[in-house]
Amino acid sequence: MSMISSSVTLAAATVQAFAMFFFSYRIMKVVEEDGEKLAQPRPEHEAVAQLTRNEAAY
């Protein structure tokens, strides 16, 4: 492998690692700050809840 391709591969891996850590951090912050609000049931969840109740009956 040439020096250029090794350098570009290392740069890409570094950017990917940074992006993974950054977005993981942001997701944890959102859950920490808005977790209770996000855990509340919403109307669009009703179909899944009904399906779960139907499957529990079997």
PDB file of N, CA and C in Angstrom:
ATOM      1  N   MET A   1       0.854  -1.176   0.000  1.00  0.00           N
ATOM      2  CA  MET A   1       0.000   0.000   0.000  1.00  0.00           C
ATOM      3  C   MET A   1       0.900   1.239   0.000  1.00  0.00           C
ATOM      4  N   SER A   2       0.519   2.207  -0.773  1.00  0.00           N
ATOM      5  CA  SER A   2       1.354   3.402  -0.847  1.00  0.00           C
ATOM      6  C   SER A   2       1.132   4.292   0.373  1.00  0.00           C
ATOM      7  N   MET A   3       2.016   5.230   0.545  1.00  0.00           N
ATOM      8  CA  MET A   3       1.939   6.157   1.677  1.00  0.00           C
ATOM      9  C   MET A   3       0.669   7.002   1.609  1.00  0.00           C
ATOM     10  N   ILE A   4       0.280   7.420   0.412  1.00  0.00           N
ATOM     11  CA  ILE A   4      -0.912   8.263   0.259  1.00  0.00           C
ATOM     12  C   ILE A   4      -2.167   7.484   0.626  1.00  0.00           C
ATOM     13  N   SER A   5      -2.294   6.267   0.118  1.00  0.00           N
ATOM     14  CA  SER A   5      -3.500   5.491   0.422  1.00  0.00           C
ATOM     15  C   SER A   5      -3.568   5.144   1.909  1.00  0.00           C
ATOM     16  N   SER A   6      -2.432   4.890   2.521  1.00  0.00           N
ATOM     17  CA  SER A   6      -2.425   4.628   3.966  1.00  0.00           C
ATOM     18  C   SER A   6      -2.853   5.865   4.750  1.00  0.00           C
ATOM     19  N   SER A   7      -2.375   7.017   4.325  1.00  0.00           N
ATOM     20  CA  SER A   7      -2.733   8.265   5.009  1.00  0.00           C
ATOM     21  C   SER A   7      -4.215   8.574   4.856  1.00  0.00           C
ATOM     22  N   VAL A   8      -4.743   8.377   3.663  1.00  0.00           N
ATOM     23  CA  VAL A   8      -6.162   8.641   3.424  1.00  0.00           C
ATOM     24  C   VAL A   8      -7.021   7.661   4.219  1.00  0.00           C
ATOM     25  N   THR A   9      -6.623   6.409   4.273  1.00  0.00           N
ATOM     26  CA  THR A   9      -7.361   5.415   5.053  1.00  0.00           C
ATOM     27  C   THR A   9      -7.335   5.772   6.533  1.00  0.00           C
ATOM     28  N   LEU A  10      -6.206   6.199   7.035  1.00  0.00           N
ATOM     29  CA  LEU A  10      -6.102   6.619   8.433  1.00  0.00           C
ATOM     30  C   LEU A  10      -6.976   7.840   8.698  1.00  0.00           C
ATOM     31  N   ALA A  11      -6.973   8.798   7.783  1.00  0.00           N
ATOM     32  CA  ALA A  11      -7.813   9.989   7.952  1.00  0.00           C
ATOM     33  C   ALA A  11      -9.289   9.613   7.955  1.00  0.00           C
ATOM     34  N   ALA A  12      -9.693   8.718   7.069  1.00  0.00           N
ATOM     35  CA  ALA A  12     -11.094   8.289   7.017  1.00  0.00           C
ATOM     36  C   ALA A  12     -11.485   7.572   8.304  1.00  0.00           C
ATOM     37  N   ALA A  13     -10.627   6.714   8.808  1.00  0.00           N
ATOM     38  CA  ALA A  13     -10.915   6.008  10.059  1.00  0.00           C
ATOM     39  C   ALA A  13     -11.008   6.985  11.224  1.00  0.00           C
ATOM     40  N   THR A  14     -10.154   7.991  11.238  1.00  0.00           N
ATOM     41  CA  THR A  14     -10.186   8.999  12.300  1.00  0.00           C
ATOM     42  C   THR A  14     -11.483   9.791  12.258  1.00  0.00           C
ATOM     43  N   VAL A  15     -11.897  10.193  11.070  1.00  0.00           N
ATOM     44  CA  VAL A  15     -13.151  10.941  10.930  1.00  0.00           C
ATOM     45  C   VAL A  15     -14.331  10.074  11.357  1.00  0.00           C
ATOM     46  N   GLN A  16     -14.337   8.816  10.964  1.00  0.00           N
ATOM     47  CA  GLN A  16     -15.423   7.909  11.345  1.00  0.00           C
ATOM     48  C   GLN A  16     -15.473   7.726  12.862  1.00  0.00           C
ATOM     49  N   ALA A  17     -14.333   7.557  13.496  1.00  0.00           N
ATOM     50  CA  ALA A  17     -14.296   7.393  14.951  1.00  0.00           C
ATOM     51  C   ALA A  17     -14.790   8.658  15.644  1.00  0.00           C
ATOM     52  N   PHE A  18     -14.350   9.815  15.182  1.00  0.00           N
ATOM     53  CA  PHE A  18     -14.801  11.073  15.762  1.00  0.00           C
ATOM     54  C   PHE A  18     -16.306  11.225  15.608  1.00  0.00           C
ATOM     55  N   ALA A  19     -16.825  10.919  14.423  1.00  0.00           N
ATOM     56  CA  ALA A  19     -18.266  11.030  14.185  1.00  0.00           C
ATOM     57  C   ALA A  19     -19.038  10.093  15.106  1.00  0.00           C
ATOM     58  N   MET A  20     -18.556   8.873  15.288  1.00  0.00           N
ATOM     59  CA  MET A  20     -19.226   7.917  16.164  1.00  0.00           C
ATOM     60  C   MET A  20     -19.279   8.445  17.598  1.00  0.00           C
ATOM     61  N   PHE A  21     -18.173   8.934  18.103  1.00  0.00           N
ATOM     62  CA  PHE A  21     -18.152   9.450  19.471  1.00  0.00           C
ATOM     63  C   PHE A  21     -19.003  10.705  19.616  1.00  0.00           C
ATOM     64  N   PHE A  22     -18.942  11.601  18.632  1.00  0.00           N
ATOM     65  CA  PHE A  22     -19.721  12.832  18.691  1.00  0.00           C
ATOM     66  C   PHE A  22     -21.212  12.539  18.702  1.00  0.00           C
ATOM     67  N   PHE A  23     -21.676  11.704  17.780  1.00  0.00           N
ATOM     68  CA  PHE A  23     -23.105  11.430  17.708  1.00  0.00           C
ATOM     69  C   PHE A  23     -23.579  10.591  18.885  1.00  0.00           C
ATOM     70  N   SER A  24     -22.744   9.703  19.394  1.00  0.00           N
ATOM     71  CA  SER A  24     -23.111   8.965  20.608  1.00  0.00           C
ATOM     72  C   SER A  24     -23.276   9.929  21.778  1.00  0.00           C
ATOM     73  N   TYR A  25     -22.378  10.880  21.893  1.00  0.00           N
ATOM     74  CA  TYR A  25     -22.465  11.886  22.952  1.00  0.00           C
ATOM     75  C   TYR A  25     -23.745  12.700  22.824  1.00  0.00           C
ATOM     76  N   ARG A  26     -24.050  13.154  21.598  1.00  0.00           N
ATOM     77  CA  ARG A  26     -25.255  13.969  21.391  1.00  0.00           C
ATOM     78  C   ARG A  26     -26.523  13.177  21.699  1.00  0.00           C
ATOM     79  N   ILE A  27     -26.568  11.911  21.315  1.00  0.00           N
ATOM     80  CA  ILE A  27     -27.739  11.080  21.613  1.00  0.00           C
ATOM     81  C   ILE A  27     -27.903  10.943  23.117  1.00  0.00           C
ATOM     82  N   MET A  28     -26.807  10.704  23.836  1.00  0.00           N
ATOM     83  CA  MET A  28     -26.896  10.581  25.296  1.00  0.00           C
ATOM     84  C   MET A  28     -27.360  11.886  25.932  1.00  0.00           C
ATOM     85  N   LYS A  29     -26.898  13.030  25.419  1.00  0.00           N
ATOM     86  CA  LYS A  29     -27.338  14.320  25.962  1.00  0.00           C
ATOM     87  C   LYS A  29     -28.831  14.536  25.736  1.00  0.00           C
ATOM     88  N   VAL A  30     -29.338  14.197  24.560  1.00  0.00           N
ATOM     89  CA  VAL A  30     -30.765  14.360  24.280  1.00  0.00           C
ATOM     90  C   VAL A  30     -31.583  13.464  25.197  1.00  0.00           C
ATOM     91  N   VAL A  31     -31.164  12.227  25.378  1.00  0.00           N
ATOM     92  CA  VAL A  31     -31.891  11.316  26.266  1.00  0.00           C
ATOM     93  C   VAL A  31     -31.836  11.828  27.699  1.00  0.00           C
ATOM     94  N   GLU A  32     -30.686  12.342  28.112  1.00  0.00           N
ATOM     95  CA  GLU A  32     -30.545  12.874  29.464  1.00  0.00           C
ATOM     96  C   GLU A  32     -31.455  14.082  29.682  1.00  0.00           C
ATOM     97  N   GLU A  33     -31.512  14.975  28.709  1.00  0.00           N
ATOM     98  CA  GLU A  33     -32.283  16.207  28.868  1.00  0.00           C
ATOM     99  C   GLU A  33     -33.773  16.016  28.606  1.00  0.00           C
ATOM    100  N   ASP A  34     -34.131  15.176  27.644  1.00  0.00           N
ATOM    101  CA  ASP A  34     -35.527  15.051  27.221  1.00  0.00           C
ATOM    102  C   ASP A  34     -36.075  13.636  27.378  1.00  0.00           C
ATOM    103  N   GLY A  35     -35.410  12.807  28.164  1.00  0.00           N
ATOM    104  CA  GLY A  35     -35.804  11.409  28.287  1.00  0.00           C
ATOM    105  C   GLY A  35     -37.230  11.205  28.749  1.00  0.00           C
ATOM    106  N   GLU A  36     -37.657  11.965  29.744  1.00  0.00           N
ATOM    107  CA  GLU A  36     -39.017  11.794  30.254  1.00  0.00           C
ATOM    108  C   GLU A  36     -40.045  12.165  29.197  1.00  0.00           C
ATOM    109  N   LYS A  37     -39.796  13.251  28.484  1.00  0.00           N
ATOM    110  CA  LYS A  37     -40.728  13.673  27.435  1.00  0.00           C
ATOM    111  C   LYS A  37     -40.760  12.649  26.300  1.00  0.00           C
ATOM    112  N   LEU A  38     -39.606  12.100  25.956  1.00  0.00           N
ATOM    113  CA  LEU A  38     -39.540  11.118  24.877  1.00  0.00           C
ATOM    114  C   LEU A  38     -40.186   9.793  25.263  1.00  0.00           C
ATOM    115  N   ALA A  39     -40.244   9.494  26.554  1.00  0.00           N
ATOM    116  CA  ALA A  39     -40.820   8.231  27.013  1.00  0.00           C
ATOM    117  C   ALA A  39     -42.340   8.259  27.075  1.00  0.00           C
ATOM    118  N   GLN A  40     -42.938   9.432  26.947  1.00  0.00           N
ATOM    119  CA  GLN A  40     -44.397   9.540  27.012  1.00  0.00           C
ATOM    120  C   GLN A  40     -45.028   8.864  25.793  1.00  0.00           C
ATOM    121  N   PRO A  41     -46.185   8.200  26.014  1.00  0.00           N
ATOM    122  CA  PRO A  41     -46.866   7.594  24.859  1.00  0.00           C
ATOM    123  C   PRO A  41     -47.373   8.671  23.902  1.00  0.00           C
ATOM    124  N   ARG A  42     -47.303   8.365  22.621  1.00  0.00           N
ATOM    125  CA  ARG A  42     -47.775   9.288  21.594  1.00  0.00           C
ATOM    126  C   ARG A  42     -48.814   8.573  20.735  1.00  0.00           C
ATOM    127  N   PRO A  43     -49.692   9.322  20.078  1.00  0.00           N
ATOM    128  CA  PRO A  43     -50.747   8.691  19.274  1.00  0.00           C
ATOM    129  C   PRO A  43     -50.209   7.732  18.211  1.00  0.00           C
ATOM    130  N   GLU A  44     -49.071   8.056  17.624  1.00  0.00           N
ATOM    131  CA  GLU A  44     -48.536   7.175  16.582  1.00  0.00           C
ATOM    132  C   GLU A  44     -48.034   5.840  17.130  1.00  0.00           C
ATOM    133  N   HIS A  45     -47.900   5.716  18.437  1.00  0.00           N
ATOM    134  CA  HIS A  45     -47.474   4.459  19.055  1.00  0.00           C
ATOM    135  C   HIS A  45     -48.645   3.520  19.318  1.00  0.00           C
ATOM    136  N   GLU A  46     -49.862   4.009  19.194  1.00  0.00           N
ATOM    137  CA  GLU A  46     -51.033   3.212  19.555  1.00  0.00           C
ATOM    138  C   GLU A  46     -51.145   1.943  18.713  1.00  0.00           C
ATOM    139  N   ALA A  47     -50.816   2.014  17.432  1.00  0.00           N
ATOM    140  CA  ALA A  47     -50.909   0.825  16.578  1.00  0.00           C
ATOM    141  C   ALA A  47     -49.967  -0.271  17.070  1.00  0.00           C
ATOM    142  N   VAL A  48     -48.771   0.091  17.467  1.00  0.00           N
ATOM    143  CA  VAL A  48     -47.817  -0.892  17.978  1.00  0.00           C
ATOM    144  C   VAL A  48     -48.289  -1.439  19.319  1.00  0.00           C
ATOM    145  N   ALA A  49     -48.823  -0.576  20.171  1.00  0.00           N
ATOM    146  CA  ALA A  49     -49.333  -1.028  21.469  1.00  0.00           C
ATOM    147  C   ALA A  49     -50.495  -1.996  21.282  1.00  0.00           C
ATOM    148  N   GLN A  50     -51.379  -1.716  20.324  1.00  0.00           N
ATOM    149  CA  GLN A  50     -52.509  -2.610  20.059  1.00  0.00           C
ATOM    150  C   GLN A  50     -52.011  -3.952  19.538  1.00  0.00           C
ATOM    151  N   LEU A  51     -51.045  -3.954  18.660  1.00  0.00           N
ATOM    152  CA  LEU A  51     -50.472  -5.198  18.150  1.00  0.00           C
ATOM    153  C   LEU A  51     -49.846  -6.005  19.280  1.00  0.00           C
ATOM    154  N   THR A  52     -49.152  -5.339  20.187  1.00  0.00           N
ATOM    155  CA  THR A  52     -48.549  -6.024  21.331  1.00  0.00           C
ATOM    156  C   THR A  52     -49.620  -6.647  22.213  1.00  0.00           C
ATOM    157  N   ARG A  53     -50.709  -5.927  22.451  1.00  0.00           N
ATOM    158  CA  ARG A  53     -51.813  -6.486  23.247  1.00  0.00           C
ATOM    159  C   ARG A  53     -52.436  -7.690  22.546  1.00  0.00           C
ATOM    160  N   ASN A  54     -52.602  -7.608  21.228  1.00  0.00           N
ATOM    161  CA  ASN A  54     -53.177  -8.728  20.477  1.00  0.00           C
ATOM    162  C   ASN A  54     -52.274  -9.954  20.534  1.00  0.00           C
ATOM    163  N   GLU A  55     -50.971  -9.752  20.420  1.00  0.00           N
ATOM    164  CA  GLU A  55     -50.038 -10.877  20.472  1.00  0.00           C
ATOM    165  C   GLU A  55     -49.972 -11.483  21.861  1.00  0.00           C
ATOM    166  N   ALA A  56     -50.159 -10.671  22.891  1.00  0.00           N
ATOM    167  CA  ALA A  56     -50.125 -11.192  24.261  1.00  0.00           C
ATOM    168  C   ALA A  56     -51.324 -12.096  24.527  1.00  0.00           C
ATOM    169  N   ALA A  57     -52.416 -11.888  23.779  1.00  0.00           N
ATOM    170  CA  ALA A  57     -53.615 -12.701  23.979  1.00  0.00           C
ATOM    171  C   ALA A  57     -53.418 -14.126  23.472  1.00  0.00           C
ATOM    172  N   TYR A  58     -52.472 -14.357  22.572  1.00  0.00           N
ATOM    173  CA  TYR A  58     -52.249 -15.700  22.029  1.00  0.00           C
ATOM    174  C   TYR A  58     -51.494 -16.557  22.967  1.00  0.00           C
TER     175      TYR A  58
END
